[in-house]
Amino acid sequence: MKHYLTAAMALIFLSGCDPLGKIGVDWPAKDTPRPDPVVQDKPAADAVDENTPTPDVTKPADTPGLIGVTVASLGDPAHAGFWLETPLVQSAGKGRVSYEKSGRTVKVDLIPIDGPATAGSRLSMAAMRLLDAPLTGLAEVRVYID
């Protein structure tokens, strides 16, 4: 019974309050016109922005060595083995992945996926464990072709 009485007293006490007026929120009137959202035109696909530097490509994706750095998340845990699904390669092959925070490297099968080279990658659970990378987070890894 005390709970009902306390709740009723709180409702009666708070019913006269104007919390928005007391904290200084200034809401516009209902009939105030709202500004139109700003729409920016996208540049044409073939337009060249001379202010944006082009990325330096040091090696083609099919030559041995470092091919890039990617942010990897956990891939399909049902897919066993040591693999990396990445847009950094155009064809399947052998490679390795290193994780700078742990200083570890693991050999993996490189599996191509669609997307720009700047898109993220998916790393197998076994590879993430050997790299000591966070299973529930994102890991920045270096990708090499062997």
Protein backbone atom coordinates (compact mmCIF):
# COMPACT_ATOMS: atom_id res chain seq x y z
CA MET A 1 0.00 0.00 0.00
CA LYS A 2 2.91 2.31 0.75
CA HIS A 3 4.18 1.91 -2.81
CA TYR A 4 0.86 3.01 -4.30
CA LEU A 5 0.71 6.01 -2.02
CA THR A 6 4.29 7.00 -2.82
CA ALA A 7 3.68 6.64 -6.57
CA ALA A 8 0.47 8.68 -6.38
CA MET A 9 2.19 11.44 -4.40
CA ALA A 10 5.08 11.53 -6.93
CA LEU A 11 2.63 11.83 -9.84
CA ILE A 12 0.70 14.62 -8.15
CA PHE A 13 3.91 16.46 -7.25
CA LEU A 14 5.50 16.09 -10.70
CA SER A 15 2.36 16.80 -12.72
CA GLY A 16 2.78 20.55 -12.29
CA CYS A 17 6.43 20.54 -13.41
CA ASP A 18 7.59 21.79 -16.78
CA PRO A 19 10.88 19.93 -17.14
CA LEU A 20 11.65 21.23 -20.64
CA GLY A 21 11.23 24.84 -19.58
CA LYS A 22 13.46 24.36 -16.56
CA ILE A 23 16.43 22.90 -18.44
CA GLY A 24 16.42 25.58 -21.11
CA VAL A 25 15.34 23.55 -24.14
CA ASP A 26 13.92 25.90 -26.74
CA TRP A 27 11.65 23.89 -29.06
CA PRO A 28 10.54 25.55 -32.30
CA ALA A 29 6.84 26.20 -32.76
CA LYS A 30 4.92 23.51 -34.65
CA ASP A 31 4.21 25.79 -37.60
CA THR A 32 7.85 26.97 -37.94
CA PRO A 33 9.14 25.92 -41.36
CA ARG A 34 12.05 23.53 -41.28
CA PRO A 35 15.00 24.06 -43.59
CA ASP A 36 15.38 21.68 -46.50
CA PRO A 37 18.10 19.09 -46.07
CA VAL A 38 21.35 19.88 -47.82
CA VAL A 39 21.90 17.66 -50.83
CA GLN A 40 25.38 17.54 -52.27
CA ASP A 41 25.88 16.49 -55.84
CA LYS A 42 28.21 13.56 -56.29
CA PRO A 43 31.00 14.07 -58.81
CA ALA A 44 30.79 12.11 -62.03
CA ALA A 45 32.51 8.73 -61.93
CA ASP A 46 35.03 9.78 -64.54
CA ALA A 47 35.76 13.17 -62.94
CA VAL A 48 39.29 13.55 -61.64
CA ASP A 49 39.95 15.40 -58.42
CA GLU A 50 43.45 16.80 -58.78
CA ASN A 51 43.64 17.61 -55.05
CA THR A 52 43.24 14.00 -53.96
CA PRO A 53 46.49 12.05 -54.11
CA THR A 54 46.38 8.73 -55.88
CA PRO A 55 47.44 5.73 -53.81
CA ASP A 56 50.94 4.48 -54.38
CA VAL A 57 50.86 0.96 -55.73
CA THR A 58 54.21 -0.61 -55.06
CA LYS A 59 53.52 -4.19 -56.13
CA PRO A 60 50.91 -5.92 -58.22
CA ALA A 61 48.68 -8.22 -56.19
CA ASP A 62 50.19 -11.37 -57.75
CA THR A 63 53.84 -10.79 -56.79
CA PRO A 64 55.27 -12.06 -53.50
CA GLY A 65 55.56 -9.67 -50.57
CA LEU A 66 53.38 -7.19 -48.71
CA ILE A 67 50.21 -6.43 -50.64
CA GLY A 68 48.50 -4.23 -48.09
CA VAL A 69 47.03 -3.57 -44.70
CA THR A 70 43.42 -4.39 -43.96
CA VAL A 71 41.03 -4.35 -41.02
CA ALA A 72 39.86 -7.89 -40.36
CA SER A 73 36.86 -9.11 -38.44
CA LEU A 74 35.95 -12.66 -37.51
CA GLY A 75 34.82 -14.65 -40.53
CA ASP A 76 32.38 -17.57 -40.61
CA PRO A 77 33.23 -19.70 -37.53
CA ALA A 78 31.73 -22.77 -39.23
CA HIS A 79 34.38 -22.53 -41.98
CA ALA A 80 37.41 -24.29 -40.48
CA GLY A 81 41.03 -23.71 -41.38
CA PHE A 82 43.40 -20.80 -41.76
CA TRP A 83 42.09 -18.33 -44.34
CA LEU A 84 41.56 -14.64 -45.05
CA GLU A 85 38.74 -13.41 -47.29
CA THR A 86 39.98 -10.10 -48.65
CA PRO A 87 39.53 -7.72 -51.58
CA LEU A 88 43.33 -7.27 -51.69
CA VAL A 89 43.71 -10.33 -53.94
CA GLN A 90 42.10 -11.13 -57.28
CA SER A 91 42.71 -14.89 -57.18
CA ALA A 92 43.02 -17.52 -54.47
CA GLY A 93 46.49 -18.32 -53.24
CA LYS A 94 48.80 -18.84 -50.31
CA GLY A 95 49.94 -16.03 -48.08
CA ARG A 96 50.47 -14.91 -44.54
CA VAL A 97 48.99 -12.39 -42.18
CA SER A 98 50.77 -10.54 -39.38
CA TYR A 99 49.25 -8.73 -36.41
CA GLU A 100 51.51 -6.00 -35.10
CA LYS A 101 49.99 -5.79 -31.60
CA SER A 102 50.95 -9.39 -30.81
CA GLY A 103 53.94 -9.62 -33.13
CA ARG A 104 52.63 -12.89 -34.54
CA THR A 105 52.33 -14.14 -38.11
CA VAL A 106 50.25 -17.01 -39.49
CA LYS A 107 50.13 -18.67 -42.92
CA VAL A 108 46.68 -18.50 -44.53
CA ASP A 109 44.80 -19.26 -47.71
CA LEU A 110 43.96 -15.95 -49.38
CA ILE A 111 40.43 -15.92 -50.76
CA PRO A 112 39.28 -13.04 -52.98
CA ILE A 113 36.04 -11.17 -52.26
CA ASP A 114 34.35 -8.35 -54.15
CA GLY A 115 34.91 -4.79 -53.05
CA PRO A 116 37.43 -1.99 -53.12
CA ALA A 117 40.90 -2.67 -51.72
CA THR A 118 40.05 -0.37 -48.81
CA ALA A 119 37.15 -2.58 -47.71
CA GLY A 120 37.54 -4.81 -44.69
CA SER A 121 38.44 -8.49 -44.65
CA ARG A 122 37.27 -11.59 -42.81
CA LEU A 123 39.73 -13.81 -40.96
CA SER A 124 39.16 -17.38 -39.79
CA MET A 125 38.73 -18.06 -36.10
CA ALA A 126 41.79 -20.34 -36.02
CA ALA A 127 43.97 -17.64 -37.58
CA MET A 128 42.65 -14.98 -35.20
CA ARG A 129 43.43 -17.19 -32.24
CA LEU A 130 47.00 -17.84 -33.40
CA LEU A 131 47.50 -14.13 -34.02
CA ASP A 132 46.10 -13.41 -30.54
CA ALA A 133 43.69 -10.95 -32.17
CA PRO A 134 40.36 -10.03 -30.55
CA LEU A 135 37.60 -12.38 -31.73
CA THR A 136 34.88 -9.84 -31.05
CA GLY A 137 36.73 -6.79 -32.36
CA LEU A 138 38.59 -5.56 -35.39
CA ALA A 139 42.25 -6.25 -36.03
CA GLU A 140 44.49 -4.31 -38.39
CA VAL A 141 46.63 -6.91 -40.14
CA ARG A 142 49.34 -6.87 -42.81
CA VAL A 143 48.73 -9.22 -45.72
CA TYR A 144 51.57 -10.88 -47.64
CA ILE A 145 51.59 -13.15 -50.68
CA ASP A 146 54.11 -16.00 -50.49
